[in-house]
């Protein structure tokens, strides 16, 4: 019985040791530092992808509980933690989030693998009303996007 326990623990440890080797992360702050110091969304997108030509389709975006295609301007009751959900079915290389309410436009960049799930939920800080932009870099090299204007009720009041 001791031998079986030893073998199961050894195989489990081996599986854990191999698993992190398949995860890859890129430090975009070191690779492309000008993205993180850009004050305008267009400049950050150009510094990251080399282009600002966006195709506004194929990306779903929901901020503060409102979908960007609902025709209603979303209102975040707490600018300190604005919920942002985004997804795509486009075969993607990366997905990035930008906003124009804070001094630096870039929020995050996510490297996407072939079989990765492309549905995300994050919270961002916005000091004033602005627009959130999600950009998906497709495997075809094109940039797909969704944008949503957002009012921020400072102090947690919506009115």
N, C-alpha and C. Protein backbone atom coordinates (compact mmCIF):
# COMPACT_ATOMS: atom_id res chain seq x y z
N UNK A 1 0.80 -1.19 0.00
CA UNK A 1 0.00 0.00 0.00
C UNK A 1 0.86 1.27 0.00
N UNK A 2 1.97 1.24 0.71
CA UNK A 2 2.86 2.40 0.76
C UNK A 2 3.42 2.73 -0.62
N UNK A 3 3.72 1.70 -1.41
CA UNK A 3 4.28 1.91 -2.74
C UNK A 3 3.26 2.62 -3.63
N UNK A 4 1.98 2.26 -3.57
CA UNK A 4 0.93 2.90 -4.37
C UNK A 4 0.78 4.37 -3.98
N UNK A 5 0.82 4.62 -2.70
CA UNK A 5 0.71 6.00 -2.22
C UNK A 5 1.89 6.84 -2.71
N UNK A 6 3.09 6.27 -2.63
CA UNK A 6 4.29 6.95 -3.10
C UNK A 6 4.19 7.25 -4.60
N UNK A 7 3.77 6.25 -5.39
CA UNK A 7 3.65 6.44 -6.83
C UNK A 7 2.60 7.50 -7.18
N UNK A 8 1.47 7.50 -6.48
CA UNK A 8 0.43 8.48 -6.78
C UNK A 8 0.89 9.90 -6.43
N UNK A 9 1.58 10.05 -5.30
CA UNK A 9 2.11 11.36 -4.93
C UNK A 9 3.18 11.82 -5.91
N UNK A 10 4.04 10.91 -6.34
CA UNK A 10 5.09 11.25 -7.29
C UNK A 10 4.51 11.69 -8.62
N UNK A 11 3.52 10.94 -9.12
CA UNK A 11 2.89 11.30 -10.40
C UNK A 11 2.13 12.62 -10.28
N UNK A 12 1.48 12.86 -9.15
CA UNK A 12 0.79 14.13 -8.93
C UNK A 12 1.76 15.30 -8.91
N UNK A 13 2.88 15.14 -8.23
CA UNK A 13 3.89 16.20 -8.18
C UNK A 13 4.48 16.45 -9.56
N UNK A 14 4.69 15.40 -10.33
CA UNK A 14 5.24 15.53 -11.68
C UNK A 14 4.25 16.30 -12.57
N UNK A 15 2.96 15.99 -12.44
CA UNK A 15 1.94 16.69 -13.23
C UNK A 15 1.91 18.18 -12.88
N UNK A 16 2.02 18.51 -11.60
CA UNK A 16 2.05 19.91 -11.19
C UNK A 16 3.30 20.63 -11.68
N UNK A 17 4.42 19.92 -11.72
CA UNK A 17 5.67 20.53 -12.17
C UNK A 17 5.64 20.83 -13.66
N UNK A 18 4.94 20.01 -14.44
CA UNK A 18 4.89 20.19 -15.89
C UNK A 18 3.84 21.23 -16.28
N UNK A 19 2.74 21.34 -15.54
CA UNK A 19 1.63 22.23 -15.89
C UNK A 19 2.04 23.69 -16.06
N UNK A 20 2.79 24.31 -15.13
CA UNK A 20 3.14 25.72 -15.32
C UNK A 20 4.01 25.98 -16.54
N UNK A 21 4.68 24.97 -17.06
CA UNK A 21 5.52 25.16 -18.23
C UNK A 21 4.69 25.49 -19.46
N UNK A 22 3.40 25.10 -19.45
CA UNK A 22 2.55 25.35 -20.61
C UNK A 22 1.92 26.74 -20.57
N UNK A 23 1.98 27.43 -19.47
CA UNK A 23 1.43 28.77 -19.32
C UNK A 23 2.49 29.78 -19.73
N UNK A 24 2.09 30.74 -20.60
CA UNK A 24 3.07 31.75 -20.99
C UNK A 24 2.50 33.12 -20.71
N UNK A 25 3.36 33.98 -20.30
CA UNK A 25 2.95 35.36 -20.03
C UNK A 25 4.00 36.29 -20.62
N UNK A 26 3.51 37.38 -21.19
CA UNK A 26 4.41 38.38 -21.74
C UNK A 26 4.28 39.65 -20.90
N UNK A 27 5.39 40.25 -20.60
CA UNK A 27 5.38 41.50 -19.83
C UNK A 27 5.34 42.67 -20.82
N UNK A 28 4.11 43.11 -21.14
CA UNK A 28 3.95 44.18 -22.11
C UNK A 28 4.51 45.50 -21.60
N UNK A 29 4.64 45.67 -20.30
CA UNK A 29 5.24 46.90 -19.77
C UNK A 29 6.71 47.00 -20.16
N UNK A 30 7.40 45.86 -20.25
CA UNK A 30 8.80 45.86 -20.69
C UNK A 30 8.91 45.82 -22.21
N UNK A 31 8.03 45.04 -22.86
CA UNK A 31 8.10 44.91 -24.31
C UNK A 31 7.71 46.20 -25.04
N UNK A 32 6.67 46.88 -24.53
CA UNK A 32 6.15 48.08 -25.18
C UNK A 32 5.83 49.14 -24.13
N UNK A 33 6.85 49.76 -23.56
CA UNK A 33 6.63 50.71 -22.46
C UNK A 33 5.83 51.96 -22.85
N UNK A 34 5.87 52.36 -24.13
CA UNK A 34 5.15 53.57 -24.53
C UNK A 34 3.64 53.38 -24.51
N UNK A 35 3.17 52.13 -24.52
CA UNK A 35 1.73 51.87 -24.41
C UNK A 35 1.22 52.37 -23.07
N UNK A 36 1.99 52.13 -22.03
CA UNK A 36 1.55 52.41 -20.66
C UNK A 36 1.71 53.86 -20.26
N UNK A 37 2.43 54.65 -21.03
CA UNK A 37 2.57 56.07 -20.72
C UNK A 37 1.73 56.94 -21.66
N UNK A 38 1.06 56.33 -22.63
CA UNK A 38 0.23 57.09 -23.57
C UNK A 38 -0.99 57.66 -22.85
N UNK A 39 -1.30 58.93 -23.14
CA UNK A 39 -2.41 59.61 -22.48
C UNK A 39 -3.70 59.52 -23.28
N UNK A 40 -3.61 59.19 -24.56
CA UNK A 40 -4.79 59.08 -25.42
C UNK A 40 -4.94 57.63 -25.87
N UNK A 41 -6.19 57.19 -25.97
CA UNK A 41 -6.48 55.80 -26.36
C UNK A 41 -5.89 55.50 -27.74
N UNK A 42 -6.04 56.41 -28.68
CA UNK A 42 -5.52 56.19 -30.04
C UNK A 42 -4.00 55.99 -30.02
N UNK A 43 -3.30 56.78 -29.22
CA UNK A 43 -1.84 56.65 -29.13
C UNK A 43 -1.45 55.31 -28.51
N UNK A 44 -2.17 54.89 -27.49
CA UNK A 44 -1.86 53.61 -26.84
C UNK A 44 -2.09 52.44 -27.81
N UNK A 45 -3.20 52.51 -28.57
CA UNK A 45 -3.49 51.44 -29.55
C UNK A 45 -2.41 51.42 -30.62
N UNK A 46 -2.02 52.59 -31.12
CA UNK A 46 -0.97 52.65 -32.15
C UNK A 46 0.36 52.13 -31.61
N UNK A 47 0.71 52.48 -30.38
CA UNK A 47 1.96 52.01 -29.79
C UNK A 47 1.96 50.50 -29.56
N UNK A 48 0.79 49.93 -29.29
CA UNK A 48 0.70 48.50 -29.04
C UNK A 48 0.63 47.70 -30.33
N UNK A 49 -0.23 48.13 -31.27
CA UNK A 49 -0.49 47.34 -32.47
C UNK A 49 0.09 47.92 -33.76
N UNK A 50 0.55 49.17 -33.73
CA UNK A 50 1.11 49.79 -34.93
C UNK A 50 0.07 50.36 -35.86
N UNK A 51 -1.19 50.30 -35.48
CA UNK A 51 -2.29 50.80 -36.31
C UNK A 51 -3.43 51.25 -35.40
N UNK A 52 -4.28 52.12 -35.92
CA UNK A 52 -5.48 52.52 -35.18
C UNK A 52 -6.74 52.21 -35.98
N UNK A 53 -6.61 51.43 -37.04
CA UNK A 53 -7.75 51.04 -37.86
C UNK A 53 -8.51 49.93 -37.15
N UNK A 54 -9.70 50.26 -36.64
CA UNK A 54 -10.50 49.32 -35.87
C UNK A 54 -11.77 48.94 -36.63
N UNK A 55 -12.10 47.67 -36.61
CA UNK A 55 -13.35 47.17 -37.17
C UNK A 55 -14.28 46.94 -35.99
N UNK A 56 -15.35 47.72 -35.91
CA UNK A 56 -16.23 47.65 -34.75
C UNK A 56 -17.29 46.56 -34.94
N UNK A 57 -16.84 45.30 -34.82
CA UNK A 57 -17.75 44.15 -34.83
C UNK A 57 -17.02 42.94 -34.23
N UNK A 58 -17.82 41.99 -33.77
CA UNK A 58 -17.25 40.75 -33.26
C UNK A 58 -16.78 40.78 -31.82
N UNK A 59 -16.96 41.91 -31.13
CA UNK A 59 -16.53 42.04 -29.73
C UNK A 59 -17.72 42.49 -28.91
N UNK A 60 -17.99 41.78 -27.81
CA UNK A 60 -19.07 42.17 -26.90
C UNK A 60 -18.45 42.85 -25.69
N UNK A 61 -19.10 43.95 -25.27
CA UNK A 61 -18.61 44.73 -24.14
C UNK A 61 -19.79 45.14 -23.28
N UNK A 62 -19.64 44.95 -21.98
CA UNK A 62 -20.67 45.36 -21.03
C UNK A 62 -19.96 46.00 -19.84
N UNK A 63 -20.27 47.28 -19.60
CA UNK A 63 -19.67 48.00 -18.47
C UNK A 63 -20.78 48.47 -17.55
N UNK A 64 -20.59 48.31 -16.25
CA UNK A 64 -21.55 48.73 -15.24
C UNK A 64 -22.93 48.12 -15.49
N UNK A 65 -22.95 46.91 -16.05
CA UNK A 65 -24.20 46.19 -16.25
C UNK A 65 -24.97 46.51 -17.51
N UNK A 66 -24.46 47.42 -18.35
CA UNK A 66 -25.14 47.79 -19.58
C UNK A 66 -24.33 47.36 -20.79
N UNK A 67 -24.99 46.71 -21.75
CA UNK A 67 -24.34 46.30 -22.99
C UNK A 67 -24.14 47.52 -23.87
N UNK A 68 -23.03 47.56 -24.65
CA UNK A 68 -22.74 48.74 -25.47
C UNK A 68 -23.77 48.95 -26.56
N UNK A 69 -24.49 47.91 -26.94
CA UNK A 69 -25.48 48.07 -28.01
C UNK A 69 -26.89 48.30 -27.48
N UNK A 70 -27.04 48.54 -26.18
CA UNK A 70 -28.36 48.74 -25.60
C UNK A 70 -28.93 50.12 -25.91
N UNK A 71 -28.10 51.03 -26.41
CA UNK A 71 -28.54 52.37 -26.73
C UNK A 71 -28.65 53.26 -25.50
N UNK A 72 -28.37 52.72 -24.33
CA UNK A 72 -28.47 53.47 -23.08
C UNK A 72 -27.06 53.69 -22.55
N UNK A 73 -26.77 54.92 -22.14
CA UNK A 73 -25.46 55.21 -21.57
C UNK A 73 -25.37 54.59 -20.18
N UNK A 74 -24.35 53.81 -19.95
CA UNK A 74 -24.19 53.13 -18.67
C UNK A 74 -23.76 54.12 -17.60
N UNK A 75 -24.18 53.84 -16.36
CA UNK A 75 -23.79 54.66 -15.22
C UNK A 75 -23.16 53.75 -14.18
N UNK A 76 -21.93 54.07 -13.82
CA UNK A 76 -21.24 53.32 -12.77
C UNK A 76 -21.45 54.07 -11.46
N UNK A 77 -22.02 53.38 -10.47
CA UNK A 77 -22.29 54.04 -9.20
C UNK A 77 -21.03 54.21 -8.36
N UNK A 78 -19.98 53.44 -8.67
CA UNK A 78 -18.73 53.54 -7.93
C UNK A 78 -17.57 53.59 -8.92
N UNK A 79 -16.99 54.75 -9.10
CA UNK A 79 -15.88 54.91 -10.03
C UNK A 79 -14.63 54.18 -9.59
N UNK A 80 -14.58 53.76 -8.34
CA UNK A 80 -13.42 53.03 -7.82
C UNK A 80 -13.38 51.58 -8.23
N UNK A 81 -14.51 51.03 -8.69
CA UNK A 81 -14.57 49.62 -9.10
C UNK A 81 -15.67 49.45 -10.14
N UNK A 82 -15.36 49.80 -11.39
CA UNK A 82 -16.32 49.70 -12.48
C UNK A 82 -16.23 48.30 -13.08
N UNK A 83 -17.32 47.50 -13.02
CA UNK A 83 -17.27 46.17 -13.61
C UNK A 83 -17.31 46.24 -15.14
N UNK A 84 -16.38 45.53 -15.78
CA UNK A 84 -16.29 45.51 -17.24
C UNK A 84 -16.22 44.05 -17.67
N UNK A 85 -17.14 43.64 -18.53
CA UNK A 85 -17.15 42.28 -19.07
C UNK A 85 -16.98 42.38 -20.58
N UNK A 86 -16.13 41.52 -21.14
CA UNK A 86 -15.94 41.53 -22.58
C UNK A 86 -15.65 40.12 -23.07
N UNK A 87 -16.03 39.88 -24.33
CA UNK A 87 -15.83 38.56 -24.92
C UNK A 87 -15.79 38.67 -26.44
N UNK A 88 -15.29 37.62 -27.07
CA UNK A 88 -15.27 37.55 -28.52
C UNK A 88 -15.22 36.09 -28.95
N UNK A 89 -15.70 35.84 -30.16
CA UNK A 89 -15.58 34.51 -30.75
C UNK A 89 -14.53 34.54 -31.88
N UNK A 90 -13.91 35.69 -32.06
CA UNK A 90 -12.86 35.86 -33.07
C UNK A 90 -11.61 35.12 -32.62
N UNK A 91 -10.97 34.40 -33.53
CA UNK A 91 -9.68 33.76 -33.21
C UNK A 91 -8.69 34.88 -32.95
N UNK A 92 -8.23 35.00 -31.72
CA UNK A 92 -7.46 36.17 -31.30
C UNK A 92 -6.04 35.84 -30.90
N UNK A 93 -5.15 36.84 -31.08
CA UNK A 93 -3.79 36.79 -30.56
C UNK A 93 -3.73 37.48 -29.20
N UNK A 94 -4.43 38.63 -29.10
CA UNK A 94 -4.45 39.38 -27.84
C UNK A 94 -5.73 40.18 -27.72
N UNK A 95 -6.05 40.53 -26.48
CA UNK A 95 -7.19 41.38 -26.19
C UNK A 95 -6.70 42.47 -25.24
N UNK A 96 -7.05 43.72 -25.54
CA UNK A 96 -6.59 44.82 -24.69
C UNK A 96 -7.76 45.72 -24.33
N UNK A 97 -7.62 46.39 -23.19
CA UNK A 97 -8.66 47.29 -22.69
C UNK A 97 -8.04 48.67 -22.48
N UNK A 98 -8.76 49.70 -22.93
CA UNK A 98 -8.31 51.08 -22.81
C UNK A 98 -9.46 51.93 -22.28
N UNK A 99 -9.14 53.07 -21.69
CA UNK A 99 -10.15 54.03 -21.24
C UNK A 99 -9.57 55.43 -21.33
N UNK A 100 -10.44 56.42 -21.47
CA UNK A 100 -9.97 57.80 -21.63
C UNK A 100 -10.29 58.69 -20.43
N UNK A 101 -10.65 58.08 -19.29
CA UNK A 101 -11.02 58.88 -18.12
C UNK A 101 -9.85 59.15 -17.18
N UNK A 102 -8.80 58.38 -17.26
CA UNK A 102 -7.64 58.52 -16.38
C UNK A 102 -6.44 59.02 -17.17
N UNK A 103 -5.40 59.46 -16.51
CA UNK A 103 -4.24 60.01 -17.22
C UNK A 103 -3.58 59.03 -18.22
N UNK A 104 -3.45 57.75 -17.86
CA UNK A 104 -2.89 56.77 -18.79
C UNK A 104 -4.04 55.94 -19.35
N UNK A 105 -4.02 55.72 -20.67
CA UNK A 105 -5.15 55.09 -21.36
C UNK A 105 -5.19 53.57 -21.24
N UNK A 106 -4.04 52.90 -21.21
CA UNK A 106 -4.02 51.44 -21.21
C UNK A 106 -4.43 50.89 -19.85
N UNK A 107 -5.28 49.85 -19.87
CA UNK A 107 -5.72 49.19 -18.65
C UNK A 107 -5.07 47.82 -18.54
N UNK A 108 -5.21 46.99 -19.59
CA UNK A 108 -4.60 45.66 -19.57
C UNK A 108 -4.47 45.12 -20.98
N UNK A 109 -3.55 44.15 -21.13
CA UNK A 109 -3.37 43.42 -22.38
C UNK A 109 -3.29 41.94 -22.01
N UNK A 110 -4.09 41.13 -22.69
CA UNK A 110 -4.15 39.70 -22.41
C UNK A 110 -3.70 38.95 -23.65
N UNK A 111 -2.67 38.12 -23.51
CA UNK A 111 -2.24 37.25 -24.61
C UNK A 111 -3.20 36.07 -24.67
N UNK A 112 -3.65 35.73 -25.88
CA UNK A 112 -4.64 34.68 -26.05
C UNK A 112 -4.05 33.56 -26.89
N UNK A 113 -4.20 32.34 -26.41
CA UNK A 113 -3.77 31.15 -27.16
C UNK A 113 -4.91 30.61 -28.00
N UNK A 114 -4.60 29.63 -28.82
CA UNK A 114 -5.57 29.07 -29.76
C UNK A 114 -6.81 28.50 -29.07
N UNK A 115 -6.65 27.85 -27.93
CA UNK A 115 -7.77 27.20 -27.27
C UNK A 115 -8.21 27.92 -25.99
N UNK A 116 -7.77 29.14 -25.79
CA UNK A 116 -8.13 29.89 -24.59
C UNK A 116 -9.59 30.36 -24.65
N UNK A 117 -10.19 30.47 -23.48
CA UNK A 117 -11.51 31.05 -23.36
C UNK A 117 -11.35 32.56 -23.49
N UNK A 118 -12.21 33.19 -24.27
CA UNK A 118 -12.07 34.63 -24.48
C UNK A 118 -13.27 35.38 -23.91
N UNK A 119 -13.62 35.07 -22.68
CA UNK A 119 -14.65 35.79 -21.92
C UNK A 119 -13.99 36.25 -20.63
N UNK A 120 -14.01 37.56 -20.40
CA UNK A 120 -13.30 38.11 -19.24
C UNK A 120 -14.20 39.06 -18.47
N UNK A 121 -13.91 39.19 -17.20
CA UNK A 121 -14.60 40.13 -16.33
C UNK A 121 -13.54 40.77 -15.42
N UNK A 122 -13.44 42.09 -15.49
CA UNK A 122 -12.46 42.81 -14.68
C UNK A 122 -13.15 44.00 -14.03
N UNK A 123 -12.48 44.63 -13.10
CA UNK A 123 -12.94 45.90 -12.52
C UNK A 123 -11.84 46.92 -12.74
N UNK A 124 -12.24 48.11 -13.19
CA UNK A 124 -11.27 49.18 -13.41
C UNK A 124 -11.68 50.41 -12.62
N UNK A 125 -10.75 51.31 -12.44
CA UNK A 125 -11.00 52.56 -11.74
C UNK A 125 -11.13 53.67 -12.78
N UNK A 126 -12.18 54.46 -12.66
CA UNK A 126 -12.38 55.61 -13.56
C UNK A 126 -12.70 56.82 -12.70
N UNK A 127 -11.90 57.85 -12.81
CA UNK A 127 -12.06 59.05 -12.00
C UNK A 127 -13.12 60.00 -12.49
N UNK A 128 -13.57 59.82 -13.74
CA UNK A 128 -14.59 60.70 -14.31
C UNK A 128 -15.26 59.96 -15.46
N UNK A 129 -16.35 60.52 -16.02
CA UNK A 129 -16.99 59.86 -17.16
C UNK A 129 -16.02 59.71 -18.34
N UNK A 130 -16.20 58.65 -19.11
CA UNK A 130 -15.32 58.42 -20.25
C UNK A 130 -15.81 57.26 -21.10
N UNK A 131 -14.94 56.80 -21.97
CA UNK A 131 -15.26 55.70 -22.89
C UNK A 131 -14.29 54.56 -22.66
N UNK A 132 -14.83 53.35 -22.59
CA UNK A 132 -14.02 52.14 -22.48
C UNK A 132 -13.94 51.52 -23.87
N UNK A 133 -12.75 51.12 -24.27
CA UNK A 133 -12.53 50.50 -25.58
C UNK A 133 -11.85 49.15 -25.38
N UNK A 134 -12.42 48.11 -25.97
CA UNK A 134 -11.81 46.78 -25.96
C UNK A 134 -11.37 46.48 -27.39
N UNK A 135 -10.10 46.12 -27.56
CA UNK A 135 -9.54 45.82 -28.89
C UNK A 135 -9.09 44.36 -28.91
N UNK A 136 -9.52 43.64 -29.94
CA UNK A 136 -9.12 42.25 -30.14
C UNK A 136 -8.23 42.20 -31.37
N UNK A 137 -6.99 41.73 -31.18
CA UNK A 137 -6.09 41.52 -32.31
C UNK A 137 -6.36 40.12 -32.83
N UNK A 138 -6.94 40.03 -34.02
CA UNK A 138 -7.29 38.74 -34.59
C UNK A 138 -6.08 38.00 -35.13
N UNK A 139 -6.22 36.68 -35.27
CA UNK A 139 -5.17 35.87 -35.89
C UNK A 139 -4.91 36.33 -37.33
N UNK A 140 -5.93 36.99 -37.94
CA UNK A 140 -5.79 37.51 -39.30
C UNK A 140 -5.05 38.85 -39.35
N UNK A 141 -4.63 39.37 -38.19
CA UNK A 141 -3.88 40.62 -38.13
C UNK A 141 -4.74 41.87 -38.05
N UNK A 142 -6.06 41.73 -38.16
CA UNK A 142 -6.97 42.87 -38.09
C UNK A 142 -7.30 43.18 -36.63
N UNK A 143 -7.71 44.42 -36.39
CA UNK A 143 -8.09 44.87 -35.05
C UNK A 143 -9.60 45.06 -34.98
N UNK A 144 -10.25 44.32 -34.10
CA UNK A 144 -11.68 44.39 -33.89
C UNK A 144 -11.92 45.10 -32.55
N UNK A 145 -13.03 45.84 -32.46
CA UNK A 145 -13.22 46.64 -31.24
C UNK A 145 -14.67 46.80 -30.86
N UNK A 146 -14.86 47.17 -29.61
CA UNK A 146 -16.15 47.62 -29.09
C UNK A 146 -15.86 48.78 -28.15
N UNK A 147 -16.75 49.77 -28.15
CA UNK A 147 -16.58 50.94 -27.29
C UNK A 147 -17.87 51.18 -26.52
N UNK A 148 -17.74 51.71 -25.32
CA UNK A 148 -18.92 52.06 -24.54
C UNK A 148 -18.65 53.30 -23.71
N UNK A 149 -19.53 54.29 -23.86
CA UNK A 149 -19.46 55.50 -23.04
C UNK A 149 -20.03 55.18 -21.67
N UNK A 150 -19.44 55.78 -20.65
CA UNK A 150 -19.82 55.46 -19.28
C UNK A 150 -19.82 56.72 -18.43
N UNK A 151 -20.93 56.96 -17.74
CA UNK A 151 -20.98 58.03 -16.75
C UNK A 151 -20.52 57.46 -15.42
N UNK A 152 -19.81 58.24 -14.66
CA UNK A 152 -19.35 57.80 -13.35
C UNK A 152 -19.95 58.74 -12.30
N UNK A 153 -20.76 58.15 -11.43
CA UNK A 153 -21.36 58.91 -10.34
C UNK A 153 -20.39 58.87 -9.17
N UNK A 154 -19.64 59.93 -8.99
CA UNK A 154 -18.66 59.96 -7.93
C UNK A 154 -19.32 59.89 -6.56
N UNK A 155 -18.65 59.26 -5.65
CA UNK A 155 -19.18 59.16 -4.29
C UNK A 155 -20.25 58.09 -4.14
N UNK A 156 -20.46 57.28 -5.17
CA UNK A 156 -21.40 56.18 -5.07
C UNK A 156 -22.86 56.57 -5.29
N UNK A 157 -23.14 57.81 -5.71
CA UNK A 157 -24.51 58.24 -5.96
C UNK A 157 -24.75 58.28 -7.45
N UNK A 158 -25.93 57.88 -7.88
CA UNK A 158 -26.23 57.90 -9.31
C UNK A 158 -27.03 59.13 -9.70
N UNK A 159 -26.99 60.15 -8.98
CA UNK A 159 -27.84 61.22 -9.38
C UNK A 159 -27.38 62.55 -9.05
